[in-house]
């Protein structure tokens, strides 16, 4: 879809979405581009996904973002999966291309961008990913494919062999282990990256203390880089604990801006005004 001045409607599908800053971010982008488009956050159940994708096919929507908890379920209703979606098994952006709906995953590139910004000198070694949903899968791909991590410990509430088999193919160049939500002092001593990829700590979701307690904080190397995909609130228990230990950490606001900019470029076919989008998210806050 190419850039023009016809009013178009874009939307975010998820549950919850009331906390979402995506409408604010995209409104800033549209102002910067001088176009009359709109972007709405739509709370929907899994049963309602198909209807919204059908609206995209009919041209009633010009593009869709997908967030928790639908990043995997929505794949049932698309016609084509971009390479990064095929690898991660999760999507966050839907694009209408002719009469086909294509699923993309801009989270993977966004996670890479944020970790490289936070720690440009880091590559390889070990990583911890908290969670096993869409964001966690994107993080595994980013870590192993883009950042050269050789071993990822994925920590979840209920580890099982079926989940391990499901996740293992994502580690294109790294070894994957599956553990419970508990710290591992020996492993943490060689960790370069930690990604908190659950919704815990997010406004309207589970408290974040449990995932924060899943890291052996004193054992992490001082140069480790940490990302919490949650951005509302900007300081979760995970972020607060990382700061208490003097570690480099960022909330999900920067990741949100990156993935949103990449999605907008897919929809409109023009460079996204990234600085305007990030400024709208940050205000006076530091991620």
Protein backbone atom coordinates (compact mmCIF):
# COMPACT_ATOMS: atom_id res chain seq x y z
CA UNK A 1 0.00 0.00 0.00
CA UNK A 2 1.45 3.35 -1.03
CA UNK A 3 1.32 6.64 0.77
CA UNK A 4 -1.58 8.95 -0.20
CA UNK A 5 -3.90 11.46 1.43
CA UNK A 6 -7.07 9.38 1.50
CA UNK A 7 -8.12 8.92 5.15
CA UNK A 8 -7.28 5.41 6.24
CA UNK A 9 -8.00 3.53 9.45
CA UNK A 10 -5.50 1.32 11.26
CA UNK A 11 -6.02 -0.59 14.50
CA UNK A 12 -4.45 -2.58 17.29
CA UNK A 13 -6.08 -5.84 18.41
CA UNK A 14 -5.47 -7.19 21.91
CA UNK A 15 -6.78 -7.75 25.40
CA UNK A 16 -6.12 -5.62 27.37
CA UNK A 17 -5.50 -2.56 25.18
CA UNK A 18 -6.79 0.35 27.27
CA UNK A 19 -3.22 1.04 28.43
CA UNK A 20 -1.82 1.10 24.89
CA UNK A 21 0.21 4.10 23.73
CA UNK A 22 0.13 2.95 20.10
CA UNK A 23 -2.73 5.33 19.13
CA UNK A 24 -0.75 8.26 20.58
CA UNK A 25 2.40 7.19 18.74
CA UNK A 26 0.72 6.68 15.38
CA UNK A 27 -1.25 9.91 15.68
CA UNK A 28 2.09 11.70 16.03
CA UNK A 29 3.40 9.84 12.99
CA UNK A 30 0.40 10.82 10.89
CA UNK A 31 0.76 14.46 11.92
CA UNK A 32 4.44 14.41 11.00
CA UNK A 33 3.59 12.90 7.61
CA UNK A 34 0.73 15.32 7.05
CA UNK A 35 -1.89 12.62 6.44
CA UNK A 36 -5.45 12.35 7.85
CA UNK A 37 -5.25 8.71 8.96
CA UNK A 38 -6.46 7.33 12.29
CA UNK A 39 -5.35 4.49 14.55
CA UNK A 40 -7.57 2.84 17.17
CA UNK A 41 -7.00 0.32 19.94
CA UNK A 42 -9.65 -2.42 19.81
CA UNK A 43 -10.15 -4.82 22.68
CA UNK A 44 -11.11 -8.18 21.22
CA UNK A 45 -11.33 -11.82 22.16
CA UNK A 46 -9.70 -14.64 20.21
CA UNK A 47 -13.10 -15.50 18.74
CA UNK A 48 -13.36 -11.98 17.31
CA UNK A 49 -9.98 -12.02 15.52
CA UNK A 50 -11.30 -13.54 12.32
CA UNK A 51 -13.89 -10.79 11.92
CA UNK A 52 -11.30 -8.04 12.24
CA UNK A 53 -8.98 -9.73 9.73
CA UNK A 54 -11.98 -10.00 7.39
CA UNK A 55 -12.48 -6.23 7.77
CA UNK A 56 -8.87 -5.77 6.67
CA UNK A 57 -9.53 -7.93 3.60
CA UNK A 58 -12.56 -5.81 2.71
CA UNK A 59 -10.53 -2.62 2.94
CA UNK A 60 -12.41 -1.31 5.96
CA UNK A 61 -9.08 -1.33 7.77
CA UNK A 62 -5.80 -0.41 6.09
CA UNK A 63 -3.55 -2.34 8.46
CA UNK A 64 -3.56 -4.14 11.79
CA UNK A 65 -1.25 -4.53 14.74
CA UNK A 66 -1.73 -7.49 17.05
CA UNK A 67 -0.66 -7.65 20.68
CA UNK A 68 -1.12 -9.84 23.77
CA UNK A 69 -2.57 -12.45 23.75
CA UNK A 70 -3.27 -12.88 20.01
CA UNK A 71 0.15 -12.86 18.30
CA UNK A 72 0.03 -16.58 17.60
CA UNK A 73 -3.70 -17.17 17.28
CA UNK A 74 -4.06 -14.57 14.51
CA UNK A 75 -1.90 -16.68 12.20
CA UNK A 76 -4.89 -18.94 11.57
CA UNK A 77 -6.52 -16.18 9.53
CA UNK A 78 -3.69 -14.96 7.28
CA UNK A 79 -2.72 -16.05 3.77
CA UNK A 80 1.04 -15.64 3.96
CA UNK A 81 3.72 -15.47 6.65
CA UNK A 82 6.86 -13.38 6.21
CA UNK A 83 10.13 -15.17 6.92
CA UNK A 84 10.51 -13.79 10.44
CA UNK A 85 6.96 -14.92 11.27
CA UNK A 86 7.63 -18.41 9.97
CA UNK A 87 10.66 -18.57 12.26
CA UNK A 88 9.13 -17.02 15.39
CA UNK A 89 5.64 -18.49 14.99
CA UNK A 90 4.12 -15.16 16.02
CA UNK A 91 3.01 -11.96 14.28
CA UNK A 92 2.31 -8.41 15.37
CA UNK A 93 1.55 -6.70 12.04
CA UNK A 94 -0.90 -7.59 9.27
CA UNK A 95 -0.63 -6.05 5.81
CA UNK A 96 -3.12 -6.27 2.95
CA UNK A 97 -1.21 -7.01 -0.27
CA UNK A 98 -3.64 -7.23 -3.17
CA UNK A 99 -6.22 -9.71 -1.94
CA UNK A 100 -3.83 -11.46 0.48
CA UNK A 101 -3.23 -10.76 4.15
CA UNK A 102 0.45 -11.13 5.03
CA UNK A 103 1.64 -11.51 8.62
CA UNK A 104 4.85 -9.75 9.68
CA UNK A 105 6.78 -9.64 12.93
CA UNK A 106 8.39 -6.26 13.57
CA UNK A 107 9.01 -7.16 17.23
CA UNK A 108 12.12 -9.16 16.35
CA UNK A 109 13.88 -6.25 14.64
CA UNK A 110 12.67 -3.88 17.37
CA UNK A 111 14.18 -6.05 20.13
CA UNK A 112 17.46 -6.21 18.23
CA UNK A 113 17.48 -2.42 17.78
CA UNK A 114 16.84 -1.78 21.47
CA UNK A 115 19.48 -4.19 22.76
CA UNK A 116 22.05 -2.89 20.27
CA UNK A 117 21.27 0.68 21.33
CA UNK A 118 21.60 -0.24 24.99
CA UNK A 119 24.78 -2.29 24.60
CA UNK A 120 26.38 -1.81 21.18
CA UNK A 121 29.51 -3.68 22.22
CA UNK A 122 27.76 -6.88 23.32
CA UNK A 123 27.44 -10.01 21.17
CA UNK A 124 27.14 -13.72 21.86
CA UNK A 125 27.37 -15.52 25.18
CA UNK A 126 24.25 -16.41 27.20
CA UNK A 127 20.81 -14.86 27.54
CA UNK A 128 17.71 -15.31 29.65
CA UNK A 129 14.22 -14.89 28.22
CA UNK A 130 11.28 -14.75 30.62
CA UNK A 131 8.11 -16.09 29.02
CA UNK A 132 7.13 -18.25 26.04
CA UNK A 133 4.51 -16.18 24.18
CA UNK A 134 4.81 -14.09 21.04
CA UNK A 135 7.23 -11.51 22.43
CA UNK A 136 9.41 -14.22 23.94
CA UNK A 137 9.61 -16.05 20.62
CA UNK A 138 10.58 -12.84 18.88
CA UNK A 139 13.25 -12.28 21.51
CA UNK A 140 14.71 -15.76 21.01
CA UNK A 141 15.00 -15.14 17.26
CA UNK A 142 16.57 -11.70 17.80
CA UNK A 143 19.08 -13.02 20.32
CA UNK A 144 20.17 -16.10 18.39
CA UNK A 145 19.94 -14.78 14.84
CA UNK A 146 20.92 -11.11 15.17
CA UNK A 147 22.94 -10.90 18.37
CA UNK A 148 24.89 -14.14 18.15
CA UNK A 149 23.80 -15.54 21.51
CA UNK A 150 24.89 -19.17 21.82
CA UNK A 151 22.71 -20.27 24.74
CA UNK A 152 19.27 -19.07 25.85
CA UNK A 153 17.53 -20.15 29.03
CA UNK A 154 13.78 -19.66 28.60
CA UNK A 155 12.05 -19.41 31.98
CA UNK A 156 8.33 -20.10 32.26
CA UNK A 157 5.81 -20.90 34.94
CA UNK A 158 5.29 -24.53 33.85
CA UNK A 159 8.15 -26.07 31.82
CA UNK A 160 7.29 -29.17 29.79
CA UNK A 161 8.82 -31.24 27.01
CA UNK A 162 6.15 -30.25 24.47
CA UNK A 163 6.90 -26.56 24.93
CA UNK A 164 10.64 -27.19 24.66
CA UNK A 165 10.17 -29.03 21.36
CA UNK A 166 7.98 -26.18 20.13
CA UNK A 167 10.51 -23.49 21.04
CA UNK A 168 13.76 -25.23 20.08
CA UNK A 169 13.56 -24.58 16.30
CA UNK A 170 13.59 -20.83 17.03
CA UNK A 171 17.18 -21.02 18.22
CA UNK A 172 18.70 -20.91 14.74
CA UNK A 173 22.27 -20.56 15.99
CA UNK A 174 21.99 -21.16 19.71
CA UNK A 175 21.20 -23.78 22.29
CA UNK A 176 17.86 -23.54 24.07
CA UNK A 177 17.01 -24.72 27.57
CA UNK A 178 13.68 -24.50 29.37
CA UNK A 179 13.43 -23.79 33.09
CA UNK A 180 10.98 -22.72 35.73
CA UNK A 181 10.68 -19.15 36.97
CA UNK A 182 13.64 -19.36 39.32
CA UNK A 183 17.09 -17.77 39.45
CA UNK A 184 20.19 -19.70 38.36
CA UNK A 185 23.36 -18.19 39.81
CA UNK A 186 25.76 -20.30 37.75
CA UNK A 187 24.00 -19.50 34.47
CA UNK A 188 23.62 -15.80 35.22
CA UNK A 189 27.38 -15.34 35.67
CA UNK A 190 27.83 -15.53 31.87
CA UNK A 191 24.64 -13.78 30.76
CA UNK A 192 24.89 -10.79 28.40
CA UNK A 193 21.18 -10.20 27.79
CA UNK A 194 17.95 -10.62 29.75
CA UNK A 195 14.57 -10.03 28.10
CA UNK A 196 11.45 -9.90 30.26
CA UNK A 197 8.90 -10.91 27.62
CA UNK A 198 5.74 -11.56 29.64
CA UNK A 199 2.90 -9.15 30.38
CA UNK A 200 3.66 -9.38 34.11
CA UNK A 201 3.89 -5.93 35.63
CA UNK A 202 1.80 -4.38 32.86
CA UNK A 203 -1.19 -2.23 33.74
CA UNK A 204 -4.16 -4.58 34.03
CA UNK A 205 -2.04 -7.76 34.00
CA UNK A 206 -0.37 -9.94 36.64
CA UNK A 207 2.00 -8.32 39.17
CA UNK A 208 5.62 -8.23 38.09
CA UNK A 209 7.36 -9.33 41.27
CA UNK A 210 7.41 -13.01 40.34
CA UNK A 211 9.29 -12.54 37.09
CA UNK A 212 11.67 -10.09 38.75
CA UNK A 213 12.46 -12.81 41.29
CA UNK A 214 13.38 -15.25 38.50
CA UNK A 215 16.83 -13.66 38.01
CA UNK A 216 19.92 -14.10 40.21
CA UNK A 217 20.63 -10.36 40.10
CA UNK A 218 23.93 -10.23 42.02
CA UNK A 219 25.41 -12.84 39.67
CA UNK A 220 24.80 -10.88 36.45
CA UNK A 221 27.91 -9.29 34.90
CA UNK A 222 27.98 -5.48 35.34
CA UNK A 223 27.83 -4.95 31.56
CA UNK A 224 24.71 -7.08 31.02
CA UNK A 225 21.86 -5.42 29.08
CA UNK A 226 18.22 -5.92 30.04
CA UNK A 227 14.92 -5.20 28.31
CA UNK A 228 11.40 -5.35 29.72
CA UNK A 229 8.87 -5.41 26.87
CA UNK A 230 6.28 -3.85 29.21
CA UNK A 231 6.03 -0.05 28.84
CA UNK A 232 2.98 0.82 30.94
CA UNK A 233 3.98 1.52 33.63
CA UNK A 234 7.48 2.56 32.50
CA UNK A 235 9.03 1.26 35.71
CA UNK A 236 8.05 -2.32 36.51
CA UNK A 237 9.43 -4.44 39.35
CA UNK A 238 11.85 -5.94 36.80
CA UNK A 239 13.13 -2.52 35.68
CA UNK A 240 13.32 -1.22 39.27
CA UNK A 241 15.31 -4.26 40.42
CA UNK A 242 17.73 -3.98 37.51
CA UNK A 243 18.34 -0.33 38.36
CA UNK A 244 18.91 -1.19 42.01
CA UNK A 245 21.74 -3.45 40.86
CA UNK A 246 23.27 -0.79 38.63
CA UNK A 247 22.51 -2.61 35.38
CA UNK A 248 21.68 -1.19 31.95
CA UNK A 249 17.95 -1.65 31.48
CA UNK A 250 15.18 -0.19 29.37
CA UNK A 251 11.41 -0.45 29.35
CA UNK A 252 9.44 -1.41 26.27
CA UNK A 253 8.82 2.17 25.09
CA UNK A 254 11.73 2.19 22.66
CA UNK A 255 10.80 -1.25 21.38
CA UNK A 256 7.24 -0.03 20.91
CA UNK A 257 8.47 2.89 18.81
CA UNK A 258 10.70 0.68 16.65
CA UNK A 259 8.07 -1.95 15.96
CA UNK A 260 5.47 0.75 15.28
CA UNK A 261 7.74 2.56 12.84
CA UNK A 262 8.51 -0.64 10.97
CA UNK A 263 4.81 -1.51 10.82
CA UNK A 264 3.94 1.93 9.48
CA UNK A 265 6.55 1.55 6.74
CA UNK A 266 5.01 -1.77 5.73
CA UNK A 267 1.55 -0.19 5.55
CA UNK A 268 2.37 3.09 3.82
CA UNK A 269 5.56 2.38 1.91
CA UNK A 270 7.28 5.56 3.15
CA UNK A 271 9.98 6.16 5.81
CA UNK A 272 8.45 6.41 9.27
CA UNK A 273 9.03 9.58 11.36
CA UNK A 274 10.68 7.58 14.14
CA UNK A 275 11.77 10.57 16.21
CA UNK A 276 8.23 11.97 16.28
CA UNK A 277 6.85 8.59 17.30
CA UNK A 278 9.40 8.11 20.09
CA UNK A 279 8.93 11.68 21.34
CA UNK A 280 5.18 11.14 21.59
CA UNK A 281 5.79 8.08 23.75
CA UNK A 282 8.48 9.52 25.98
CA UNK A 283 7.30 13.00 26.80
CA UNK A 284 9.47 13.77 29.81
CA UNK A 285 10.04 10.10 30.64
CA UNK A 286 13.26 8.18 30.20
CA UNK A 287 12.71 4.53 29.17
